[in-house]
Amino acid sequence: MIRTDKVKLTIIKAEAYRQKLTSGDVGIVITRHDTKQPGLAAISKTSGKAIPSANTSLKLFPQEAFDEAVVLTARMPFQKARQAPARAKQVTEEPAADPKLEETAGSEAYLKIVTKYTDKSGKLSYDLLNKDFIKFAHSSSKVREMIAGGTSAAAIRKYITGVKFRDIADNHDLSDAEIQRIVTLLDEASPKNVFRELNDMLRKQLSAQKKK
């Protein structure tokens, strides 16, 4: 993914840039300094309008902000801005709290994972995620071997997360560090632990194994 320069928005205190996914689609990413979770939107190929992702908070990232971002980045290619509108030349000089987290948030892998576990109301569902991960854990012979061998819950969870996220993203080259950054971003979306139910299940399984 090739990044554009960021542009400052006037609707909200935030910056925006365009991104291009490997699918060929174009999107808008808006970042605020008071939250690590970005606002994400796809740009409609027919209307040119920004369509916020289901998991994007419209309170933090209103439609008007996306509309402004579309205009300000209209002439900005994915490498270097050319003849951009005057306001679009205002590139932020304040570094992001964690550039790697920001880059991960705009990645196709992260978008696919968020979409996979977004419920019918348009919210990221930890319940859906945990049910899917627990189902995989019960069906995996590798997980059963790890439990029987007394492997730690953290190590088992890391294995499950790696397999599931790489499969959902259809990218088996995702590194452990990239997967951990995705977990960090998912945790940012809700105050509760993203793997609470999965962790409880693994602890019970390991405890039962020790009693045998």
Protein backbone atom coordinates (compact mmCIF):
# COMPACT_ATOMS: atom_id res chain seq x y z
CA MET A 1 0.00 0.00 0.00
CA ILE A 2 1.41 3.40 -1.04
CA ARG A 3 0.53 6.25 1.30
CA THR A 4 -0.38 9.84 0.42
CA ASP A 5 0.54 12.87 2.50
CA LYS A 6 -2.00 13.63 5.17
CA VAL A 7 -4.28 16.66 4.88
CA LYS A 8 -5.86 18.57 7.74
CA LEU A 9 -9.63 18.66 7.97
CA THR A 10 -11.72 21.62 9.13
CA ILE A 11 -14.93 19.74 10.00
CA ILE A 12 -13.17 17.95 12.87
CA LYS A 13 -9.67 18.09 14.32
CA ALA A 14 -8.20 15.26 12.29
CA GLU A 15 -6.09 14.35 9.28
CA ALA A 16 -6.99 12.26 6.26
CA TYR A 17 -5.31 10.43 3.41
CA ARG A 18 -6.28 8.15 0.56
CA GLN A 19 -5.28 4.53 0.37
CA LYS A 20 -5.45 1.96 -2.40
CA LEU A 21 -6.24 -1.66 -1.59
CA THR A 22 -4.84 -4.58 -3.53
CA SER A 23 -8.38 -5.15 -4.80
CA GLY A 24 -8.06 -1.88 -6.71
CA ASP A 25 -10.62 -0.03 -4.60
CA VAL A 26 -9.84 3.39 -3.16
CA GLY A 27 -10.62 4.44 0.38
CA ILE A 28 -10.27 7.27 2.88
CA VAL A 29 -8.61 6.97 6.29
CA ILE A 30 -9.20 9.68 8.91
CA THR A 31 -7.07 9.78 12.07
CA ARG A 32 -7.63 11.70 15.28
CA HIS A 33 -5.06 12.26 18.02
CA ASP A 34 -7.52 11.38 20.79
CA THR A 35 -8.14 7.82 19.61
CA LYS A 36 -6.04 5.10 17.96
CA GLN A 37 -9.07 3.70 16.14
CA PRO A 38 -9.28 5.43 12.73
CA GLY A 39 -12.31 6.28 10.64
CA LEU A 40 -12.42 4.19 7.47
CA ALA A 41 -14.49 4.63 4.32
CA ALA A 42 -14.58 3.28 0.79
CA ILE A 43 -15.08 5.64 -2.13
CA SER A 44 -18.01 4.61 -4.32
CA LYS A 45 -16.95 3.96 -7.90
CA THR A 46 -20.30 5.22 -9.16
CA SER A 47 -21.04 8.29 -7.04
CA GLY A 48 -17.56 9.16 -5.76
CA LYS A 49 -19.03 9.51 -2.28
CA ALA A 50 -17.31 8.17 0.83
CA ILE A 51 -19.11 5.22 2.40
CA PRO A 52 -17.97 4.77 6.04
CA SER A 53 -17.23 1.21 7.15
CA ALA A 54 -19.75 -0.47 9.42
CA ASN A 55 -17.39 -0.28 12.38
CA THR A 56 -16.60 3.44 12.03
CA SER A 57 -18.12 5.71 14.70
CA LEU A 58 -20.08 8.49 12.98
CA LYS A 59 -19.92 10.50 16.20
CA LEU A 60 -16.13 10.64 16.02
CA PHE A 61 -15.98 10.60 12.23
CA PRO A 62 -19.13 12.26 10.78
CA GLN A 63 -20.09 11.87 7.13
CA GLU A 64 -19.26 15.55 6.58
CA ALA A 65 -15.64 14.89 7.54
CA PHE A 66 -15.39 12.09 4.98
CA ASP A 67 -16.99 14.32 2.35
CA GLU A 68 -14.39 17.00 3.05
CA ALA A 69 -11.59 14.43 2.92
CA VAL A 70 -12.75 13.25 -0.50
CA VAL A 71 -12.56 16.82 -1.82
CA LEU A 72 -9.23 17.71 -0.22
CA THR A 73 -7.50 14.56 -1.46
CA ALA A 74 -9.16 14.57 -4.89
CA ARG A 75 -6.00 15.52 -6.78
CA MET A 76 -3.61 13.65 -4.57
CA PRO A 77 -2.16 10.50 -6.11
CA PHE A 78 -0.97 7.69 -3.92
CA GLN A 79 2.63 8.91 -4.04
CA LYS A 80 2.94 12.68 -3.98
CA ALA A 81 0.40 15.49 -4.05
CA ARG A 82 0.13 17.57 -7.21
CA GLN A 83 -1.79 20.84 -7.48
CA ALA A 84 -3.89 19.93 -4.47
CA PRO A 85 -6.37 22.50 -3.11
CA ALA A 86 -4.80 25.08 -0.81
CA ARG A 87 -6.06 23.47 2.40
CA ALA A 88 -4.86 20.07 1.23
CA LYS A 89 -1.25 21.30 1.27
CA GLN A 90 -1.37 21.63 5.04
CA VAL A 91 0.44 18.44 5.93
CA THR A 92 0.45 17.62 9.60
CA GLU A 93 3.81 17.90 11.31
CA GLU A 94 2.69 16.14 14.48
CA PRO A 95 3.74 12.48 14.40
CA ALA A 96 1.22 9.78 15.16
CA ALA A 97 1.41 8.14 18.57
CA ASP A 98 2.22 4.85 16.88
CA PRO A 99 2.76 4.96 13.08
CA LYS A 100 2.77 1.16 12.84
CA LEU A 101 -0.66 0.95 14.49
CA GLU A 102 -1.95 3.63 12.13
CA GLU A 103 -0.61 1.78 9.09
CA THR A 104 -2.14 -1.49 10.30
CA ALA A 105 -5.51 0.24 10.82
CA GLY A 106 -5.55 1.21 7.16
CA SER A 107 -4.49 -2.19 5.91
CA GLU A 108 -6.64 -4.54 3.88
CA ALA A 109 -6.02 -7.32 6.41
CA TYR A 110 -7.45 -5.27 9.27
CA LEU A 111 -10.47 -4.21 7.22
CA LYS A 112 -11.25 -7.83 6.30
CA ILE A 113 -11.04 -8.94 9.93
CA VAL A 114 -13.26 -6.10 11.16
CA THR A 115 -15.79 -6.84 8.41
CA LYS A 116 -15.78 -10.54 9.29
CA TYR A 117 -16.80 -9.84 12.90
CA THR A 118 -19.20 -6.92 12.36
CA ASP A 119 -22.74 -7.83 13.41
CA LYS A 120 -26.05 -6.93 11.75
CA SER A 121 -26.26 -3.68 13.73
CA GLY A 122 -22.96 -2.55 12.24
CA LYS A 123 -20.88 -2.96 15.41
CA LEU A 124 -17.74 -4.96 15.97
CA SER A 125 -18.91 -8.10 17.80
CA TYR A 126 -16.54 -9.69 20.29
CA ASP A 127 -19.16 -12.38 20.76
CA LEU A 128 -18.95 -13.41 17.08
CA LEU A 129 -15.16 -13.35 17.19
CA ASN A 130 -14.89 -15.47 20.33
CA LYS A 131 -17.48 -18.00 19.16
CA ASP A 132 -15.59 -18.43 15.90
CA PHE A 133 -12.23 -18.79 17.65
CA ILE A 134 -13.61 -21.25 20.21
CA LYS A 135 -15.20 -23.31 17.43
CA PHE A 136 -11.84 -23.47 15.68
CA ALA A 137 -10.07 -24.41 18.93
CA HIS A 138 -12.43 -27.34 19.50
CA SER A 139 -11.95 -28.61 15.95
CA SER A 140 -8.17 -28.19 15.75
CA SER A 141 -6.03 -31.26 16.43
CA LYS A 142 -3.05 -28.93 16.92
CA VAL A 143 -4.86 -27.06 19.70
CA ARG A 144 -5.83 -30.34 21.36
CA GLU A 145 -2.17 -31.42 21.25
CA MET A 146 -1.06 -28.13 22.79
CA ILE A 147 -3.60 -28.46 25.61
CA ALA A 148 -2.59 -32.07 26.25
CA GLY A 149 1.04 -30.99 26.35
CA GLY A 150 0.36 -28.26 28.91
CA THR A 151 1.19 -25.35 26.59
CA SER A 152 0.33 -21.98 28.13
CA ALA A 153 -3.00 -20.34 27.33
CA ALA A 154 -1.15 -17.33 25.89
CA ALA A 155 0.82 -19.50 23.47
CA ILE A 156 -2.29 -21.40 22.38
CA ARG A 157 -4.18 -18.14 21.87
CA LYS A 158 -1.30 -16.78 19.80
CA TYR A 159 -1.43 -19.89 17.59
CA ILE A 160 -5.22 -19.63 17.13
CA THR A 161 -5.06 -15.90 16.41
CA GLY A 162 -2.30 -16.37 13.86
CA VAL A 163 -4.12 -19.11 11.97
CA LYS A 164 -7.50 -17.35 11.98
CA PHE A 165 -6.32 -13.84 11.10
CA ARG A 166 -4.05 -15.03 8.29
CA ASP A 167 -6.90 -17.11 6.90
CA ILE A 168 -9.47 -14.29 7.10
CA ALA A 169 -7.07 -11.77 5.58
CA ASP A 170 -6.09 -14.31 2.92
CA ASN A 171 -2.51 -13.32 3.67
CA HIS A 172 -0.28 -16.02 5.12
CA ASP A 173 2.68 -13.63 5.14
CA LEU A 174 1.27 -11.59 8.03
CA SER A 175 3.96 -11.46 10.71
CA ASP A 176 3.36 -12.10 14.41
CA ALA A 177 4.03 -8.40 15.01
CA GLU A 178 1.38 -7.36 12.50
CA ILE A 179 -1.14 -9.73 14.07
CA GLN A 180 -0.38 -8.34 17.53
CA ARG A 181 -0.97 -4.80 16.24
CA ILE A 182 -4.36 -5.93 14.89
CA VAL A 183 -5.21 -7.35 18.34
CA THR A 184 -4.19 -4.02 19.91
CA LEU A 185 -6.49 -2.11 17.56
CA LEU A 186 -9.38 -4.47 18.22
CA ASP A 187 -8.91 -3.92 21.94
CA GLU A 188 -9.07 -0.16 21.33
CA ALA A 189 -12.58 -0.54 19.90
CA SER A 190 -14.01 -1.74 23.21
CA PRO A 191 -13.02 -1.54 26.88
CA LYS A 192 -13.34 -5.29 27.34
CA ASN A 193 -10.68 -7.85 26.52
CA VAL A 194 -11.07 -9.01 22.94
CA PHE A 195 -10.39 -12.66 23.83
CA ARG A 196 -12.15 -12.89 27.19
CA GLU A 197 -14.34 -15.91 26.36
CA LEU A 198 -11.57 -17.68 24.48
CA ASN A 199 -9.18 -17.18 27.40
CA ASP A 200 -11.76 -18.56 29.84
CA MET A 201 -12.26 -21.64 27.68
CA LEU A 202 -8.53 -22.29 27.36
CA ARG A 203 -7.96 -21.93 31.11
CA LYS A 204 -10.76 -24.42 31.84
CA GLN A 205 -9.38 -26.88 29.28
CA LEU A 206 -5.84 -26.63 30.69
CA SER A 207 -7.10 -26.93 34.27
CA ALA A 208 -9.08 -30.05 33.39
CA GLN A 209 -6.02 -31.51 31.69
CA LYS A 210 -3.89 -31.05 34.81
CA LYS A 211 -6.45 -32.95 36.91
CA LYS A 212 -6.22 -36.03 34.71
